[in-house]
PDB file of N, CA and C in Angstrom:
ATOM      1  N   MET A   1     -68.726 -66.988  52.503  1.00  0.00           N
ATOM      2  CA  MET A   1     -67.797 -66.684  51.295  1.00  0.00           C
ATOM      3  C   MET A   1     -67.017 -65.345  51.271  1.00  0.00           C
ATOM      4  N   PRO A   2     -66.030 -65.112  51.007  1.00  0.00           N
ATOM      5  CA  PRO A   2     -65.547 -63.742  51.057  1.00  0.00           C
ATOM      6  C   PRO A   2     -65.866 -63.012  49.755  1.00  0.00           C
ATOM      7  N   ARG A   3     -65.610 -61.738  49.702  1.00  0.00           N
ATOM      8  CA  ARG A   3     -65.944 -61.020  48.595  1.00  0.00           C
ATOM      9  C   ARG A   3     -64.597 -61.236  47.640  1.00  0.00           C
ATOM     10  N   GLU A   4     -64.890 -60.961  46.539  1.00  0.00           N
ATOM     11  CA  GLU A   4     -63.679 -61.026  45.509  1.00  0.00           C
ATOM     12  C   GLU A   4     -63.908 -59.660  44.627  1.00  0.00           C
ATOM     13  N   LEU A   5     -62.758 -58.965  44.229  1.00  0.00           N
ATOM     14  CA  LEU A   5     -62.774 -58.043  43.537  1.00  0.00           C
ATOM     15  C   LEU A   5     -62.656 -58.287  41.876  1.00  0.00           C
ATOM     16  N   ILE A   6     -63.625 -57.790  41.287  1.00  0.00           N
ATOM     17  CA  ILE A   6     -63.558 -58.026  39.659  1.00  0.00           C
ATOM     18  C   ILE A   6     -63.342 -56.540  39.076  1.00  0.00           C
ATOM     19  N   ASP A   7     -62.331 -56.700  38.408  1.00  0.00           N
ATOM     20  CA  ASP A   7     -61.942 -55.339  37.744  1.00  0.00           C
ATOM     21  C   ASP A   7     -62.149 -55.514  36.075  1.00  0.00           C
ATOM     22  N   THR A   8     -62.837 -54.762  35.748  1.00  0.00           N
ATOM     23  CA  THR A   8     -63.169 -55.055  34.146  1.00  0.00           C
ATOM     24  C   THR A   8     -62.277 -54.125  33.288  1.00  0.00           C
ATOM     25  N   GLY A   9     -61.703 -53.292  34.063  1.00  0.00           N
ATOM     26  CA  GLY A   9     -60.951 -52.139  33.162  1.00  0.00           C
ATOM     27  C   GLY A   9     -61.445 -50.728  33.121  1.00  0.00           C
ATOM     28  N   THR A  10     -62.973 -50.775  33.237  1.00  0.00           N
ATOM     29  CA  THR A  10     -63.720 -49.603  33.363  1.00  0.00           C
ATOM     30  C   THR A  10     -64.237 -49.595  34.752  1.00  0.00           C
ATOM     31  N   ASP A  11     -64.366 -50.503  35.453  1.00  0.00           N
ATOM     32  CA  ASP A  11     -65.347 -50.614  36.623  1.00  0.00           C
ATOM     33  C   ASP A  11     -64.691 -51.517  37.554  1.00  0.00           C
ATOM     34  N   LYS A  12     -64.931 -51.231  38.718  1.00  0.00           N
ATOM     35  CA  LYS A  12     -64.614 -52.232  40.006  1.00  0.00           C
ATOM     36  C   LYS A  12     -65.681 -52.708  40.627  1.00  0.00           C
ATOM     37  N   ARG A  13     -65.752 -53.919  41.001  1.00  0.00           N
ATOM     38  CA  ARG A  13     -66.900 -54.363  41.784  1.00  0.00           C
ATOM     39  C   ARG A  13     -66.614 -55.434  42.709  1.00  0.00           C
ATOM     40  N   PHE A  14     -67.116 -55.578  43.972  1.00  0.00           N
ATOM     41  CA  PHE A  14     -66.954 -56.452  44.901  1.00  0.00           C
ATOM     42  C   PHE A  14     -68.093 -57.430  44.585  1.00  0.00           C
ATOM     43  N   VAL A  15     -67.753 -58.927  44.324  1.00  0.00           N
ATOM     44  CA  VAL A  15     -68.704 -59.911  44.250  1.00  0.00           C
ATOM     45  C   VAL A  15     -68.598 -60.868  45.254  1.00  0.00           C
ATOM     46  N   ARG A  16     -69.959 -61.483  45.496  1.00  0.00           N
ATOM     47  CA  ARG A  16     -69.858 -62.532  46.409  1.00  0.00           C
ATOM     48  C   ARG A  16     -70.525 -63.773  45.654  1.00  0.00           C
ATOM     49  N   ARG A  17     -69.898 -65.024  45.590  1.00  0.00           N
ATOM     50  CA  ARG A  17     -70.685 -66.256  44.785  1.00  0.00           C
ATOM     51  C   ARG A  17     -71.498 -67.137  45.887  1.00  0.00           C
ATOM     52  N   ASP A  18     -72.268 -67.752  45.097  1.00  0.00           N
ATOM     53  CA  ASP A  18     -72.782 -68.878  45.974  1.00  0.00           C
ATOM     54  C   ASP A  18     -72.092 -70.175  45.994  1.00  0.00           C
ATOM     55  N   ASP A  19     -72.873 -71.214  46.153  1.00  0.00           N
ATOM     56  CA  ASP A  19     -72.077 -72.495  46.191  1.00  0.00           C
ATOM     57  C   ASP A  19     -71.755 -73.104  44.689  1.00  0.00           C
ATOM     58  N   LYS A  20     -72.717 -72.712  43.790  1.00  0.00           N
ATOM     59  CA  LYS A  20     -72.780 -73.037  42.474  1.00  0.00           C
ATOM     60  C   LYS A  20     -71.589 -71.967  41.667  1.00  0.00           C
ATOM     61  N   GLY A  21     -71.073 -71.118  42.361  1.00  0.00           N
ATOM     62  CA  GLY A  21     -70.040 -70.236  41.642  1.00  0.00           C
ATOM     63  C   GLY A  21     -70.569 -68.868  40.979  1.00  0.00           C
ATOM     64  N   GLN A  22     -72.015 -68.833  41.157  1.00  0.00           N
ATOM     65  CA  GLN A  22     -72.660 -67.824  40.528  1.00  0.00           C
ATOM     66  C   GLN A  22     -72.906 -66.603  41.284  1.00  0.00           C
ATOM     67  N   PHE A  23     -72.939 -65.388  40.867  1.00  0.00           N
ATOM     68  CA  PHE A  23     -72.905 -64.232  41.497  1.00  0.00           C
ATOM     69  C   PHE A  23     -74.125 -64.195  42.282  1.00  0.00           C
ATOM     70  N   LYS A  24     -73.971 -63.924  43.552  1.00  0.00           N
ATOM     71  CA  LYS A  24     -74.877 -63.724  44.603  1.00  0.00           C
ATOM     72  C   LYS A  24     -75.217 -62.308  45.081  1.00  0.00           C
ATOM     73  N   GLU A  25     -74.146 -61.556  45.089  1.00  0.00           N
ATOM     74  CA  GLU A  25     -74.152 -60.257  45.536  1.00  0.00           C
ATOM     75  C   GLU A  25     -73.114 -59.398  44.737  1.00  0.00           C
ATOM     76  N   VAL A  26     -73.700 -58.402  44.345  1.00  0.00           N
ATOM     77  CA  VAL A  26     -72.524 -57.318  43.394  1.00  0.00           C
ATOM     78  C   VAL A  26     -72.592 -55.975  43.962  1.00  0.00           C
ATOM     79  N   VAL A  27     -71.656 -55.533  44.240  1.00  0.00           N
ATOM     80  CA  VAL A  27     -71.525 -53.728  44.796  1.00  0.00           C
ATOM     81  C   VAL A  27     -70.468 -53.284  44.364  1.00  0.00           C
ATOM     82  N   ASP A  28     -70.700 -52.004  43.690  1.00  0.00           N
ATOM     83  CA  ASP A  28     -69.811 -51.156  43.193  1.00  0.00           C
ATOM     84  C   ASP A  28     -68.713 -50.776  44.430  1.00  0.00           C
ATOM     85  N   VAL A  29     -67.412 -50.833  43.960  1.00  0.00           N
ATOM     86  CA  VAL A  29     -66.245 -50.709  44.918  1.00  0.00           C
ATOM     87  C   VAL A  29     -66.405 -49.316  45.512  1.00  0.00           C
ATOM     88  N   GLY A  30     -66.772 -48.184  45.005  1.00  0.00           N
ATOM     89  CA  GLY A  30     -66.675 -46.703  45.532  1.00  0.00           C
ATOM     90  C   GLY A  30     -67.751 -46.685  46.629  1.00  0.00           C
ATOM     91  N   LYS A  31     -69.002 -47.121  46.174  1.00  0.00           N
ATOM     92  CA  LYS A  31     -70.058 -47.119  47.191  1.00  0.00           C
ATOM     93  C   LYS A  31     -69.711 -48.030  48.602  1.00  0.00           C
ATOM     94  N   SER A  32     -69.257 -49.241  48.244  1.00  0.00           N
ATOM     95  CA  SER A  32     -69.079 -50.256  49.494  1.00  0.00           C
ATOM     96  C   SER A  32     -67.784 -49.420  50.233  1.00  0.00           C
ATOM     97  N   LEU A  33     -66.793 -49.057  49.700  1.00  0.00           N
ATOM     98  CA  LEU A  33     -65.705 -48.415  50.575  1.00  0.00           C
ATOM     99  C   LEU A  33     -66.279 -47.138  51.288  1.00  0.00           C
ATOM    100  N   SER A  34     -67.146 -46.442  50.701  1.00  0.00           N
ATOM    101  CA  SER A  34     -67.486 -45.141  51.318  1.00  0.00           C
ATOM    102  C   SER A  34     -68.510 -45.474  52.255  1.00  0.00           C
ATOM    103  N   ALA A  35     -69.411 -46.653  52.306  1.00  0.00           N
ATOM    104  CA  ALA A  35     -70.346 -47.067  53.311  1.00  0.00           C
ATOM    105  C   ALA A  35     -69.670 -47.571  54.490  1.00  0.00           C
ATOM    106  N   ASP A  36     -68.333 -48.289  54.108  1.00  0.00           N
ATOM    107  CA  ASP A  36     -67.605 -48.893  55.270  1.00  0.00           C
ATOM    108  C   ASP A  36     -66.998 -47.616  56.020  1.00  0.00           C
ATOM    109  N   ALA A  37     -66.640 -46.648  55.425  1.00  0.00           N
ATOM    110  CA  ALA A  37     -65.987 -45.596  56.282  1.00  0.00           C
ATOM    111  C   ALA A  37     -67.005 -44.848  57.131  1.00  0.00           C
ATOM    112  N   ARG A  38     -68.351 -44.744  56.593  1.00  0.00           N
ATOM    113  CA  ARG A  38     -69.411 -44.067  57.445  1.00  0.00           C
ATOM    114  C   ARG A  38     -69.751 -44.712  58.574  1.00  0.00           C
ATOM    115  N   GLN A  39     -69.540 -46.257  58.598  1.00  0.00           N
ATOM    116  CA  GLN A  39     -70.200 -46.772  59.832  1.00  0.00           C
ATOM    117  C   GLN A  39     -68.883 -47.217  60.562  1.00  0.00           C
ATOM    118  N   LYS A  40     -69.205 -47.255  61.857  1.00  0.00           N
ATOM    119  CA  LYS A  40     -68.082 -47.770  62.677  1.00  0.00           C
ATOM    120  C   LYS A  40     -68.497 -48.952  63.378  1.00  0.00           C
ATOM    121  N   ALA A  41     -68.001 -50.112  63.114  1.00  0.00           N
ATOM    122  CA  ALA A  41     -68.426 -51.785  63.383  1.00  0.00           C
ATOM    123  C   ALA A  41     -67.732 -52.005  64.667  1.00  0.00           C
ATOM    124  N   LYS A  42     -68.600 -52.702  65.600  1.00  0.00           N
ATOM    125  CA  LYS A  42     -68.050 -53.093  66.946  1.00  0.00           C
ATOM    126  C   LYS A  42     -67.442 -54.397  66.827  1.00  0.00           C
ATOM    127  N   THR A  43     -67.855 -55.216  65.737  1.00  0.00           N
ATOM    128  CA  THR A  43     -67.492 -56.569  65.552  1.00  0.00           C
ATOM    129  C   THR A  43     -66.337 -56.655  64.505  1.00  0.00           C
ATOM    130  N   LYS A  44     -65.147 -57.466  64.691  1.00  0.00           N
ATOM    131  CA  LYS A  44     -64.229 -57.553  63.924  1.00  0.00           C
ATOM    132  C   LYS A  44     -64.475 -58.778  63.084  1.00  0.00           C
ATOM    133  N   VAL A  45     -64.116 -58.725  61.861  1.00  0.00           N
ATOM    134  CA  VAL A  45     -64.512 -59.888  60.803  1.00  0.00           C
ATOM    135  C   VAL A  45     -63.334 -60.096  60.128  1.00  0.00           C
ATOM    136  N   LYS A  46     -63.484 -61.349  59.447  1.00  0.00           N
ATOM    137  CA  LYS A  46     -62.270 -61.833  58.573  1.00  0.00           C
ATOM    138  C   LYS A  46     -61.911 -60.893  57.256  1.00  0.00           C
ATOM    139  N   LYS A  47     -60.759 -60.872  56.937  1.00  0.00           N
ATOM    140  CA  LYS A  47     -60.455 -60.264  55.683  1.00  0.00           C
ATOM    141  C   LYS A  47     -61.274 -60.595  54.578  1.00  0.00           C
ATOM    142  N   GLY A  48     -61.689 -59.783  53.683  1.00  0.00           N
ATOM    143  CA  GLY A  48     -62.755 -60.129  52.745  1.00  0.00           C
ATOM    144  C   GLY A  48     -64.082 -60.116  53.047  1.00  0.00           C
ATOM    145  N   ASP A  49     -64.645 -59.838  54.322  1.00  0.00           N
ATOM    146  CA  ASP A  49     -65.897 -60.119  54.777  1.00  0.00           C
ATOM    147  C   ASP A  49     -66.092 -58.539  55.422  1.00  0.00           C
ATOM    148  N   GLY A  50     -65.753 -57.628  54.932  1.00  0.00           N
ATOM    149  CA  GLY A  50     -65.911 -56.191  55.766  1.00  0.00           C
ATOM    150  C   GLY A  50     -67.317 -55.416  55.741  1.00  0.00           C
ATOM    151  N   ASP A  51     -67.997 -56.172  54.867  1.00  0.00           N
ATOM    152  CA  ASP A  51     -69.567 -55.644  54.603  1.00  0.00           C
ATOM    153  C   ASP A  51     -70.106 -56.409  55.724  1.00  0.00           C
ATOM    154  N   ARG A  52     -69.932 -57.472  56.593  1.00  0.00           N
ATOM    155  CA  ARG A  52     -70.584 -58.040  57.675  1.00  0.00           C
ATOM    156  C   ARG A  52     -70.226 -57.688  58.719  1.00  0.00           C
ATOM    157  N   GLY A  53     -69.774 -56.548  59.058  1.00  0.00           N
ATOM    158  CA  GLY A  53     -69.273 -56.063  60.454  1.00  0.00           C
ATOM    159  C   GLY A  53     -70.238 -56.130  61.557  1.00  0.00           C
ATOM    160  N   ASP A  54     -71.444 -55.727  61.475  1.00  0.00           N
ATOM    161  CA  ASP A  54     -72.283 -55.761  62.546  1.00  0.00           C
ATOM    162  C   ASP A  54     -73.393 -56.630  62.406  1.00  0.00           C
ATOM    163  N   ARG A  55     -73.364 -57.776  61.907  1.00  0.00           N
ATOM    164  CA  ARG A  55     -74.412 -58.716  61.686  1.00  0.00           C
ATOM    165  C   ARG A  55     -74.711 -59.805  62.768  1.00  0.00           C
TER     166      ARG A  55
END
């Protein structure tokens, strides 16, 4: 399941939902984007699954 962006107005987060629609994984956008920039992935992934580059 791809990540979706939740914007509360004061905070932005990427969330991933499970089969029931509940939050499975929650990550702050700033931390997620900076972590993506630090690592050079060898594997191409679908849009929305950028955090799963080298799994």
